[in-house]
């Protein structure tokens, strides 16, 4: 088992390079653990720090990142879309998705990427054949939903995508955006009203929760409280990773559905981010197992 901490005297040097995370809130995040353990395993001189940044302070925070010469940082809720206006360069996939979760600071030039796409693709790729020609339902209309749509349309042969959101107007906006960007015209949009969504969920081969519903500290919440939403032939993927076993996944598992938590996505996206910043490959299996033990404790 990987040690969880290292002697503070050995953690910082004059040439230690900084990495980080910006979001609000961020107390739930396992990213500092993942990247600091990776740095320890690979014997690279990086420290990864979390920064709680409110939406009204995003621009100032980015100026601070440049001033402090952070090598790079992750971006989480609620900044994944708003950050684009402040970046110097945006990768092709991030530009299409319209959301960034990884920034590389090249001597003051901020370059944006979307490694959530890698995390989603690697999580779902074992089910590629099962998903061919099937219906997918995505709940949410933010950065996670955008990355999921991109991944599905680029890597899988999906028949139709249902977009469900608390505000239907945002789902409609997302539908129109991807119809234009990726020329996929098989979307339906719905408002998230759990009693009314049961049939939509039940008729979907894959359900993806791309919202923060069910995340710590509101771990009793679920996008649907109804067991009838699921069946044994489904795949239910919750991007929430804290807790790993959300109420949504517990409910789906009772019906025999295949359930996927957000931990693998988290590690896969982190691996790509770490490679962008450092040029080093993350030992994915070791980190995933270490993270499971960390959570279990």
C-alpha atoms as a PDB file:
ATOM      1  CA  UNK A   1       0.000   0.000   0.000  1.00  0.00           C
ATOM      2  CA  UNK A   2       1.247   3.496  -0.832  1.00  0.00           C
ATOM      3  CA  UNK A   3       1.895   5.712   2.167  1.00  0.00           C
ATOM      4  CA  UNK A   4      -0.665   8.496   2.405  1.00  0.00           C
ATOM      5  CA  UNK A   5       1.684  11.192   3.599  1.00  0.00           C
ATOM      6  CA  UNK A   6       5.361  11.974   3.457  1.00  0.00           C
ATOM      7  CA  UNK A   7       7.581  13.875   5.820  1.00  0.00           C
ATOM      8  CA  UNK A   8       6.866  17.573   5.387  1.00  0.00           C
ATOM      9  CA  UNK A   9      10.621  18.273   5.344  1.00  0.00           C
ATOM     10  CA  UNK A  10      10.906  16.129   2.239  1.00  0.00           C
ATOM     11  CA  UNK A  11       7.861  17.669   0.505  1.00  0.00           C
ATOM     12  CA  UNK A  12       9.083  21.138  -0.428  1.00  0.00           C
ATOM     13  CA  UNK A  13      12.285  22.403  -2.021  1.00  0.00           C
ATOM     14  CA  UNK A  14      13.245  25.680  -3.638  1.00  0.00           C
ATOM     15  CA  UNK A  15      12.715  24.089  -7.047  1.00  0.00           C
ATOM     16  CA  UNK A  16       9.451  22.290  -6.206  1.00  0.00           C
ATOM     17  CA  UNK A  17       6.929  22.888  -8.985  1.00  0.00           C
ATOM     18  CA  UNK A  18       3.325  23.668  -8.117  1.00  0.00           C
ATOM     19  CA  UNK A  19       0.170  22.068  -9.495  1.00  0.00           C
ATOM     20  CA  UNK A  20      -3.347  22.705  -8.310  1.00  0.00           C
ATOM     21  CA  UNK A  21      -7.113  22.614  -8.511  1.00  0.00           C
ATOM     22  CA  UNK A  22      -9.611  25.475  -8.683  1.00  0.00           C
ATOM     23  CA  UNK A  23     -13.304  25.065  -7.978  1.00  0.00           C
ATOM     24  CA  UNK A  24     -16.069  25.839  -5.523  1.00  0.00           C
ATOM     25  CA  UNK A  25     -16.589  23.834  -3.384  1.00  0.00           C
ATOM     26  CA  UNK A  26     -13.523  21.568  -3.446  1.00  0.00           C
ATOM     27  CA  UNK A  27     -13.417  19.922  -0.019  1.00  0.00           C
ATOM     28  CA  UNK A  28     -14.801  16.709  -1.549  1.00  0.00           C
ATOM     29  CA  UNK A  29     -11.987  16.379  -4.102  1.00  0.00           C
ATOM     30  CA  UNK A  30      -9.583  13.422  -4.195  1.00  0.00           C
ATOM     31  CA  UNK A  31      -7.396  15.088  -6.836  1.00  0.00           C
ATOM     32  CA  UNK A  32      -4.745  16.319  -4.354  1.00  0.00           C
ATOM     33  CA  UNK A  33      -4.342  12.767  -3.067  1.00  0.00           C
ATOM     34  CA  UNK A  34      -4.077  11.310  -6.580  1.00  0.00           C
ATOM     35  CA  UNK A  35      -1.482  13.755  -7.882  1.00  0.00           C
ATOM     36  CA  UNK A  36       0.646  13.940  -4.745  1.00  0.00           C
ATOM     37  CA  UNK A  37       0.814  10.133  -4.479  1.00  0.00           C
ATOM     38  CA  UNK A  38       1.705   9.978  -8.182  1.00  0.00           C
ATOM     39  CA  UNK A  39       4.498  12.496  -7.662  1.00  0.00           C
ATOM     40  CA  UNK A  40       5.782  10.434  -4.740  1.00  0.00           C
ATOM     41  CA  UNK A  41       5.689   7.168  -6.685  1.00  0.00           C
ATOM     42  CA  UNK A  42       7.454   8.654  -9.703  1.00  0.00           C
ATOM     43  CA  UNK A  43       9.875  10.662  -7.535  1.00  0.00           C
ATOM     44  CA  UNK A  44       9.004  13.873  -9.371  1.00  0.00           C
ATOM     45  CA  UNK A  45       9.229  17.191  -7.552  1.00  0.00           C
ATOM     46  CA  UNK A  46       5.638  18.423  -7.754  1.00  0.00           C
ATOM     47  CA  UNK A  47       3.132  19.488  -5.103  1.00  0.00           C
ATOM     48  CA  UNK A  48      -0.599  19.653  -5.903  1.00  0.00           C
ATOM     49  CA  UNK A  49      -2.722  22.109  -3.896  1.00  0.00           C
ATOM     50  CA  UNK A  50      -6.485  22.822  -3.833  1.00  0.00           C
ATOM     51  CA  UNK A  51      -7.740  26.409  -4.179  1.00  0.00           C
ATOM     52  CA  UNK A  52     -11.353  27.281  -3.392  1.00  0.00           C
ATOM     53  CA  UNK A  53     -12.252  29.937  -5.978  1.00  0.00           C
ATOM     54  CA  UNK A  54     -15.696  31.518  -6.148  1.00  0.00           C
ATOM     55  CA  UNK A  55     -17.140  32.420  -9.583  1.00  0.00           C
ATOM     56  CA  UNK A  56     -16.693  36.171  -9.046  1.00  0.00           C
ATOM     57  CA  UNK A  57     -12.983  35.664  -8.309  1.00  0.00           C
ATOM     58  CA  UNK A  58     -12.041  33.407 -11.236  1.00  0.00           C
ATOM     59  CA  UNK A  59     -10.141  35.998 -13.284  1.00  0.00           C
ATOM     60  CA  UNK A  60      -8.135  37.182 -10.274  1.00  0.00           C
ATOM     61  CA  UNK A  61      -7.345  33.595  -9.341  1.00  0.00           C
ATOM     62  CA  UNK A  62      -5.961  32.901 -12.823  1.00  0.00           C
ATOM     63  CA  UNK A  63      -3.731  35.958 -12.595  1.00  0.00           C
ATOM     64  CA  UNK A  64      -2.502  34.576  -9.273  1.00  0.00           C
ATOM     65  CA  UNK A  65      -1.774  31.185 -10.829  1.00  0.00           C
ATOM     66  CA  UNK A  66       0.414  32.866 -13.439  1.00  0.00           C
ATOM     67  CA  UNK A  67       2.098  35.105 -10.866  1.00  0.00           C
ATOM     68  CA  UNK A  68       2.899  32.082  -8.664  1.00  0.00           C
ATOM     69  CA  UNK A  69       4.111  30.168 -11.742  1.00  0.00           C
ATOM     70  CA  UNK A  70       1.971  27.071 -11.243  1.00  0.00           C
ATOM     71  CA  UNK A  71       2.905  24.530 -13.902  1.00  0.00           C
ATOM     72  CA  UNK A  72      -0.732  23.604 -14.328  1.00  0.00           C
ATOM     73  CA  UNK A  73      -4.049  23.101 -12.611  1.00  0.00           C
ATOM     74  CA  UNK A  74      -7.355  21.292 -12.858  1.00  0.00           C
ATOM     75  CA  UNK A  75     -10.683  23.095 -13.158  1.00  0.00           C
ATOM     76  CA  UNK A  76     -13.869  21.796 -11.601  1.00  0.00           C
ATOM     77  CA  UNK A  77     -17.429  22.960 -10.882  1.00  0.00           C
ATOM     78  CA  UNK A  78     -18.481  25.727 -11.522  1.00  0.00           C
ATOM     79  CA  UNK A  79     -15.635  27.053 -13.723  1.00  0.00           C
ATOM     80  CA  UNK A  80     -15.285  24.543 -16.593  1.00  0.00           C
ATOM     81  CA  UNK A  81     -17.177  26.667 -19.107  1.00  0.00           C
ATOM     82  CA  UNK A  82     -16.534  30.199 -17.825  1.00  0.00           C
ATOM     83  CA  UNK A  83     -12.754  29.732 -17.834  1.00  0.00           C
ATOM     84  CA  UNK A  84     -12.548  29.557 -21.644  1.00  0.00           C
ATOM     85  CA  UNK A  85     -12.738  33.345 -22.020  1.00  0.00           C
ATOM     86  CA  UNK A  86      -9.544  33.785 -19.987  1.00  0.00           C
ATOM     87  CA  UNK A  87      -7.324  31.231 -21.775  1.00  0.00           C
ATOM     88  CA  UNK A  88      -4.773  31.932 -24.501  1.00  0.00           C
ATOM     89  CA  UNK A  89      -5.131  28.609 -26.320  1.00  0.00           C
ATOM     90  CA  UNK A  90      -7.769  25.880 -26.245  1.00  0.00           C
ATOM     91  CA  UNK A  91      -7.314  22.338 -27.585  1.00  0.00           C
ATOM     92  CA  UNK A  92      -9.567  21.168 -30.415  1.00  0.00           C
ATOM     93  CA  UNK A  93     -11.628  18.798 -28.287  1.00  0.00           C
ATOM     94  CA  UNK A  94     -12.040  21.356 -25.492  1.00  0.00           C
ATOM     95  CA  UNK A  95     -13.119  23.952 -28.041  1.00  0.00           C
ATOM     96  CA  UNK A  96     -15.762  21.621 -29.473  1.00  0.00           C
ATOM     97  CA  UNK A  97     -16.977  20.582 -26.033  1.00  0.00           C
ATOM     98  CA  UNK A  98     -16.980  24.162 -24.781  1.00  0.00           C
ATOM     99  CA  UNK A  99     -15.475  23.195 -21.424  1.00  0.00           C
ATOM    100  CA  UNK A 100     -11.979  22.940 -19.935  1.00  0.00           C
ATOM    101  CA  UNK A 101     -10.882  20.925 -16.904  1.00  0.00           C
ATOM    102  CA  UNK A 102      -7.074  21.102 -17.311  1.00  0.00           C
ATOM    103  CA  UNK A 103      -4.837  24.128 -17.833  1.00  0.00           C
ATOM    104  CA  UNK A 104      -1.118  24.084 -18.636  1.00  0.00           C
ATOM    105  CA  UNK A 105       0.783  27.265 -17.833  1.00  0.00           C
ATOM    106  CA  UNK A 106       3.544  27.780 -20.404  1.00  0.00           C
ATOM    107  CA  UNK A 107       5.410  30.789 -18.986  1.00  0.00           C
ATOM    108  CA  UNK A 108       2.235  32.832 -18.616  1.00  0.00           C
ATOM    109  CA  UNK A 109       0.454  31.395 -21.666  1.00  0.00           C
ATOM    110  CA  UNK A 110      -2.558  29.451 -20.405  1.00  0.00           C
ATOM    111  CA  UNK A 111      -3.485  26.416 -22.526  1.00  0.00           C
ATOM    112  CA  UNK A 112      -6.802  24.650 -21.936  1.00  0.00           C
ATOM    113  CA  UNK A 113      -7.624  20.959 -22.374  1.00  0.00           C
ATOM    114  CA  UNK A 114     -10.490  18.631 -21.582  1.00  0.00           C
ATOM    115  CA  UNK A 115      -9.243  15.393 -20.034  1.00  0.00           C
ATOM    116  CA  UNK A 116     -12.728  14.519 -18.748  1.00  0.00           C
ATOM    117  CA  UNK A 117     -13.205  13.132 -22.259  1.00  0.00           C
ATOM    118  CA  UNK A 118     -10.368  10.669 -21.650  1.00  0.00           C
ATOM    119  CA  UNK A 119     -11.877   9.668 -18.313  1.00  0.00           C
ATOM    120  CA  UNK A 120     -15.329   9.045 -19.778  1.00  0.00           C
ATOM    121  CA  UNK A 121     -14.048   7.196 -22.836  1.00  0.00           C
ATOM    122  CA  UNK A 122     -11.770   4.872 -20.855  1.00  0.00           C
ATOM    123  CA  UNK A 123     -14.579   4.116 -18.398  1.00  0.00           C
ATOM    124  CA  UNK A 124     -17.095   3.225 -21.123  1.00  0.00           C
ATOM    125  CA  UNK A 125     -14.858   1.624 -23.777  1.00  0.00           C
ATOM    126  CA  UNK A 126     -15.251  -1.927 -22.335  1.00  0.00           C
ATOM    127  CA  UNK A 127     -18.964  -1.625 -23.200  1.00  0.00           C
ATOM    128  CA  UNK A 128     -18.500  -0.331 -26.745  1.00  0.00           C
ATOM    129  CA  UNK A 129     -20.227  -3.239 -28.493  1.00  0.00           C
ATOM    130  CA  UNK A 130     -23.145  -3.188 -26.062  1.00  0.00           C
ATOM    131  CA  UNK A 131     -23.742   0.509 -26.726  1.00  0.00           C
ATOM    132  CA  UNK A 132     -23.783   0.288 -30.519  1.00  0.00           C
ATOM    133  CA  UNK A 133     -27.173   1.411 -31.833  1.00  0.00           C
ATOM    134  CA  UNK A 134     -28.542   2.073 -28.363  1.00  0.00           C
ATOM    135  CA  UNK A 135     -30.221   4.978 -26.552  1.00  0.00           C
ATOM    136  CA  UNK A 136     -28.282   6.966 -23.955  1.00  0.00           C
ATOM    137  CA  UNK A 137     -29.726   9.333 -21.357  1.00  0.00           C
ATOM    138  CA  UNK A 138     -27.521  12.054 -19.852  1.00  0.00           C
ATOM    139  CA  UNK A 139     -28.655  14.041 -16.831  1.00  0.00           C
ATOM    140  CA  UNK A 140     -27.072  17.485 -16.619  1.00  0.00           C
ATOM    141  CA  UNK A 141     -26.124  20.265 -19.016  1.00  0.00           C
ATOM    142  CA  UNK A 142     -22.762  21.449 -17.701  1.00  0.00           C
ATOM    143  CA  UNK A 143     -19.155  20.583 -18.465  1.00  0.00           C
ATOM    144  CA  UNK A 144     -19.495  16.898 -17.561  1.00  0.00           C
ATOM    145  CA  UNK A 145     -22.490  16.461 -19.858  1.00  0.00           C
ATOM    146  CA  UNK A 146     -20.649  18.227 -22.678  1.00  0.00           C
ATOM    147  CA  UNK A 147     -17.645  15.919 -22.331  1.00  0.00           C
ATOM    148  CA  UNK A 148     -19.937  12.874 -22.239  1.00  0.00           C
ATOM    149  CA  UNK A 149     -21.725  13.879 -25.444  1.00  0.00           C
ATOM    150  CA  UNK A 150     -18.417  14.466 -27.231  1.00  0.00           C
ATOM    151  CA  UNK A 151     -16.995  11.130 -26.062  1.00  0.00           C
ATOM    152  CA  UNK A 152     -20.107   9.198 -27.090  1.00  0.00           C
ATOM    153  CA  UNK A 153     -20.332  10.768 -30.539  1.00  0.00           C
ATOM    154  CA  UNK A 154     -16.616  10.386 -31.271  1.00  0.00           C
ATOM    155  CA  UNK A 155     -16.092   6.856 -29.949  1.00  0.00           C
ATOM    156  CA  UNK A 156     -19.431   5.034 -30.008  1.00  0.00           C
ATOM    157  CA  UNK A 157     -22.278   4.430 -32.474  1.00  0.00           C
ATOM    158  CA  UNK A 158     -25.163   5.837 -30.467  1.00  0.00           C
ATOM    159  CA  UNK A 159     -28.711   5.830 -31.871  1.00  0.00           C
ATOM    160  CA  UNK A 160     -30.144   8.630 -29.731  1.00  0.00           C
ATOM    161  CA  UNK A 161     -29.213  10.817 -26.753  1.00  0.00           C
ATOM    162  CA  UNK A 162     -31.784  12.057 -24.249  1.00  0.00           C
ATOM    163  CA  UNK A 163     -30.742  15.190 -22.385  1.00  0.00           C
ATOM    164  CA  UNK A 164     -32.447  15.751 -19.040  1.00  0.00           C
ATOM    165  CA  UNK A 165     -31.860  18.836 -16.922  1.00  0.00           C
ATOM    166  CA  UNK A 166     -33.585  20.706 -14.116  1.00  0.00           C
ATOM    167  CA  UNK A 167     -33.933  23.601 -16.543  1.00  0.00           C
ATOM    168  CA  UNK A 168     -35.097  22.300 -19.912  1.00  0.00           C
ATOM    169  CA  UNK A 169     -33.896  25.463 -21.624  1.00  0.00           C
ATOM    170  CA  UNK A 170     -30.277  24.544 -20.813  1.00  0.00           C
ATOM    171  CA  UNK A 171     -30.835  21.050 -22.230  1.00  0.00           C
ATOM    172  CA  UNK A 172     -32.252  22.621 -25.395  1.00  0.00           C
ATOM    173  CA  UNK A 173     -29.223  24.911 -25.639  1.00  0.00           C
ATOM    174  CA  UNK A 174     -26.904  21.908 -25.365  1.00  0.00           C
ATOM    175  CA  UNK A 175     -28.896  20.016 -27.995  1.00  0.00           C
ATOM    176  CA  UNK A 176     -28.680  22.917 -30.450  1.00  0.00           C
ATOM    177  CA  UNK A 177     -24.968  23.396 -29.718  1.00  0.00           C
ATOM    178  CA  UNK A 178     -23.990  19.796 -30.516  1.00  0.00           C
ATOM    179  CA  UNK A 179     -26.324  19.521 -33.475  1.00  0.00           C
ATOM    180  CA  UNK A 180     -24.346  22.382 -34.963  1.00  0.00           C
ATOM    181  CA  UNK A 181     -20.876  21.342 -33.732  1.00  0.00           C
ATOM    182  CA  UNK A 182     -20.977  17.583 -34.364  1.00  0.00           C
ATOM    183  CA  UNK A 183     -23.838  17.210 -36.870  1.00  0.00           C
ATOM    184  CA  UNK A 184     -25.758  14.731 -34.709  1.00  0.00           C
ATOM    185  CA  UNK A 185     -29.493  15.268 -34.944  1.00  0.00           C
ATOM    186  CA  UNK A 186     -30.910  12.533 -32.716  1.00  0.00           C
ATOM    187  CA  UNK A 187     -31.423  14.387 -29.420  1.00  0.00           C
ATOM    188  CA  UNK A 188     -34.482  14.668 -27.210  1.00  0.00           C
ATOM    189  CA  UNK A 189     -34.657  17.049 -24.246  1.00  0.00           C
ATOM    190  CA  UNK A 190     -36.638  16.814 -21.013  1.00  0.00           C
ATOM    191  CA  UNK A 191     -37.009  18.521 -17.664  1.00  0.00           C
ATOM    192  CA  UNK A 192     -35.769  16.596 -14.636  1.00  0.00           C
ATOM    193  CA  UNK A 193     -38.991  15.646 -12.851  1.00  0.00           C
ATOM    194  CA  UNK A 194     -38.295  12.186 -11.336  1.00  0.00           C
ATOM    195  CA  UNK A 195     -41.849  10.767 -11.536  1.00  0.00           C
ATOM    196  CA  UNK A 196     -42.054  11.782 -15.202  1.00  0.00           C
ATOM    197  CA  UNK A 197     -38.595  10.477 -16.186  1.00  0.00           C
ATOM    198  CA  UNK A 198     -39.044   6.815 -15.213  1.00  0.00           C
ATOM    199  CA  UNK A 199     -39.926   5.582 -18.714  1.00  0.00           C
ATOM    200  CA  UNK A 200     -37.095   7.591 -20.296  1.00  0.00           C
ATOM    201  CA  UNK A 201     -34.568   6.099 -17.865  1.00  0.00           C
ATOM    202  CA  UNK A 202     -35.929   2.573 -18.181  1.00  0.00           C
ATOM    203  CA  UNK A 203     -35.767   2.604 -21.981  1.00  0.00           C
ATOM    204  CA  UNK A 204     -32.110   3.697 -22.029  1.00  0.00           C
ATOM    205  CA  UNK A 205     -29.201   1.302 -22.394  1.00  0.00           C
ATOM    206  CA  UNK A 206     -26.874   3.766 -20.674  1.00  0.00           C
ATOM    207  CA  UNK A 207     -27.726   6.382 -18.049  1.00  0.00           C
ATOM    208  CA  UNK A 208     -25.089   8.972 -17.137  1.00  0.00           C
ATOM    209  CA  UNK A 209     -25.376  11.292 -14.164  1.00  0.00           C
ATOM    210  CA  UNK A 210     -23.280  14.311 -15.149  1.00  0.00           C
ATOM    211  CA  UNK A 211     -24.521  16.472 -12.271  1.00  0.00           C
ATOM    212  CA  UNK A 212     -23.303  16.889  -8.697  1.00  0.00           C
ATOM    213  CA  UNK A 213     -26.531  15.381  -7.326  1.00  0.00           C
ATOM    214  CA  UNK A 214     -25.612  12.777  -4.716  1.00  0.00           C
ATOM    215  CA  UNK A 215     -22.178  14.245  -4.000  1.00  0.00           C
ATOM    216  CA  UNK A 216     -20.908  14.682  -0.447  1.00  0.00           C
ATOM    217  CA  UNK A 217     -22.309  16.234   1.734  1.00  0.00           C
ATOM    218  CA  UNK A 218     -25.699  15.644   0.027  1.00  0.00           C
ATOM    219  CA  UNK A 219     -25.059  11.934  -0.427  1.00  0.00           C
ATOM    220  CA  UNK A 220     -28.698  10.957   0.186  1.00  0.00           C
ATOM    221  CA  UNK A 221     -29.842  12.700  -3.006  1.00  0.00           C
ATOM    222  CA  UNK A 222     -30.400  10.993  -6.366  1.00  0.00           C
ATOM    223  CA  UNK A 223     -31.517  12.073  -9.822  1.00  0.00           C
ATOM    224  CA  UNK A 224     -34.327   9.541  -9.368  1.00  0.00           C
ATOM    225  CA  UNK A 225     -35.517   7.872  -6.175  1.00  0.00           C
ATOM    226  CA  UNK A 226     -37.558   5.279  -8.077  1.00  0.00           C
ATOM    227  CA  UNK A 227     -36.320   1.714  -8.535  1.00  0.00           C
ATOM    228  CA  UNK A 228     -38.600   1.393 -11.570  1.00  0.00           C
ATOM    229  CA  UNK A 229     -36.200   3.671 -13.452  1.00  0.00           C
ATOM    230  CA  UNK A 230     -33.749   0.780 -13.934  1.00  0.00           C
ATOM    231  CA  UNK A 231     -33.508  -2.752 -15.287  1.00  0.00           C
ATOM    232  CA  UNK A 232     -30.938  -5.543 -15.365  1.00  0.00           C
ATOM    233  CA  UNK A 233     -29.853  -4.876 -18.963  1.00  0.00           C
ATOM    234  CA  UNK A 234     -28.686  -1.343 -18.301  1.00  0.00           C
ATOM    235  CA  UNK A 235     -25.402   0.412 -17.588  1.00  0.00           C
ATOM    236  CA  UNK A 236     -25.637   3.226 -15.034  1.00  0.00           C
ATOM    237  CA  UNK A 237     -22.631   5.557 -14.820  1.00  0.00           C
ATOM    238  CA  UNK A 238     -22.441   8.181 -12.073  1.00  0.00           C
ATOM    239  CA  UNK A 239     -19.674  10.776 -12.506  1.00  0.00           C
ATOM    240  CA  UNK A 240     -19.906  11.570  -8.792  1.00  0.00           C
ATOM    241  CA  UNK A 241     -16.925   9.956  -7.034  1.00  0.00           C
ATOM    242  CA  UNK A 242     -17.421  11.051  -3.427  1.00  0.00           C
ATOM    243  CA  UNK A 243     -19.095   8.909  -2.259  1.00  0.00           C
ATOM    244  CA  UNK A 244     -18.122   6.246  -4.770  1.00  0.00           C
ATOM    245  CA  UNK A 245     -21.305   4.273  -4.130  1.00  0.00           C
ATOM    246  CA  UNK A 246     -23.999   6.908  -4.569  1.00  0.00           C
ATOM    247  CA  UNK A 247     -27.704   6.457  -3.872  1.00  0.00           C
ATOM    248  CA  UNK A 248     -28.241   6.328  -7.635  1.00  0.00           C
ATOM    249  CA  UNK A 249     -25.831   3.404  -8.039  1.00  0.00           C
ATOM    250  CA  UNK A 250     -27.196   1.571  -4.992  1.00  0.00           C
ATOM    251  CA  UNK A 251     -30.705   1.801  -6.408  1.00  0.00           C
ATOM    252  CA  UNK A 252     -29.649   0.685  -9.900  1.00  0.00           C
ATOM    253  CA  UNK A 253     -27.618  -2.214  -8.518  1.00  0.00           C
ATOM    254  CA  UNK A 254     -30.711  -3.611  -6.762  1.00  0.00           C
ATOM    255  CA  UNK A 255     -32.301  -4.176 -10.185  1.00  0.00           C
ATOM    256  CA  UNK A 256     -29.224  -5.996 -11.532  1.00  0.00           C
ATOM    257  CA  UNK A 257     -27.970  -3.107 -13.668  1.00  0.00           C
ATOM    258  CA  UNK A 258     -24.234  -2.739 -14.326  1.00  0.00           C
ATOM    259  CA  UNK A 259     -23.019   0.209 -12.258  1.00  0.00           C
ATOM    260  CA  UNK A 260     -19.967   2.413 -12.843  1.00  0.00           C
ATOM    261  CA  UNK A 261     -18.796   4.903 -10.241  1.00  0.00           C
ATOM    262  CA  UNK A 262     -16.796   8.065 -10.905  1.00  0.00           C
ATOM    263  CA  UNK A 263     -13.475   6.847  -9.508  1.00  0.00           C
ATOM    264  CA  UNK A 264     -12.118   5.324 -12.728  1.00  0.00           C
ATOM    265  CA  UNK A 265     -13.095   8.416 -14.678  1.00  0.00           C
ATOM    266  CA  UNK A 266     -11.354  10.539 -12.044  1.00  0.00           C
ATOM    267  CA  UNK A 267      -8.123   8.557 -12.267  1.00  0.00           C
ATOM    268  CA  UNK A 268      -8.103   8.368 -16.076  1.00  0.00           C
ATOM    269  CA  UNK A 269      -8.673  12.108 -16.480  1.00  0.00           C
ATOM    270  CA  UNK A 270      -6.040  12.792 -13.810  1.00  0.00           C
ATOM    271  CA  UNK A 271      -3.534  10.599 -15.669  1.00  0.00           C
ATOM    272  CA  UNK A 272      -3.954  12.614 -18.850  1.00  0.00           C
ATOM    273  CA  UNK A 273      -3.682  15.904 -16.935  1.00  0.00           C
ATOM    274  CA  UNK A 274      -0.503  14.767 -15.187  1.00  0.00           C
ATOM    275  CA  UNK A 275       1.015  13.787 -18.526  1.00  0.00           C
ATOM    276  CA  UNK A 276       0.193  17.192 -20.032  1.00  0.00           C
ATOM    277  CA  UNK A 277       1.863  18.998 -17.128  1.00  0.00           C
ATOM    278  CA  UNK A 278       4.895  16.781 -16.553  1.00  0.00           C
ATOM    279  CA  UNK A 279       5.395  14.517 -19.576  1.00  0.00           C
ATOM    280  CA  UNK A 280       5.251  11.555 -17.163  1.00  0.00           C
ATOM    281  CA  UNK A 281       2.808   8.629 -17.330  1.00  0.00           C
ATOM    282  CA  UNK A 282       0.747   8.013 -14.225  1.00  0.00           C
ATOM    283  CA  UNK A 283       0.798   4.389 -12.918  1.00  0.00           C
ATOM    284  CA  UNK A 284      -2.977   4.134 -13.303  1.00  0.00           C
ATOM    285  CA  UNK A 285      -3.593   0.742 -11.686  1.00  0.00           C
ATOM    286  CA  UNK A 286      -1.468   1.534  -8.631  1.00  0.00           C
ATOM    287  CA  UNK A 287      -3.146   4.893  -8.175  1.00  0.00           C
ATOM    288  CA  UNK A 288      -6.645   3.431  -8.577  1.00  0.00           C
ATOM    289  CA  UNK A 289      -5.977   0.720  -5.986  1.00  0.00           C
ATOM    290  CA  UNK A 290      -4.362   3.218  -3.623  1.00  0.00           C
ATOM    291  CA  UNK A 291      -7.365   5.537  -3.973  1.00  0.00           C
ATOM    292  CA  UNK A 292      -9.772   2.704  -3.143  1.00  0.00           C
ATOM    293  CA  UNK A 293      -7.802   1.950   0.023  1.00  0.00           C
ATOM    294  CA  UNK A 294      -7.681   5.628   0.912  1.00  0.00           C
ATOM    295  CA  UNK A 295     -11.462   5.919   0.614  1.00  0.00           C
ATOM    296  CA  UNK A 296     -12.009   2.689   2.552  1.00  0.00           C
ATOM    297  CA  UNK A 297     -10.037   4.105   5.492  1.00  0.00           C
END
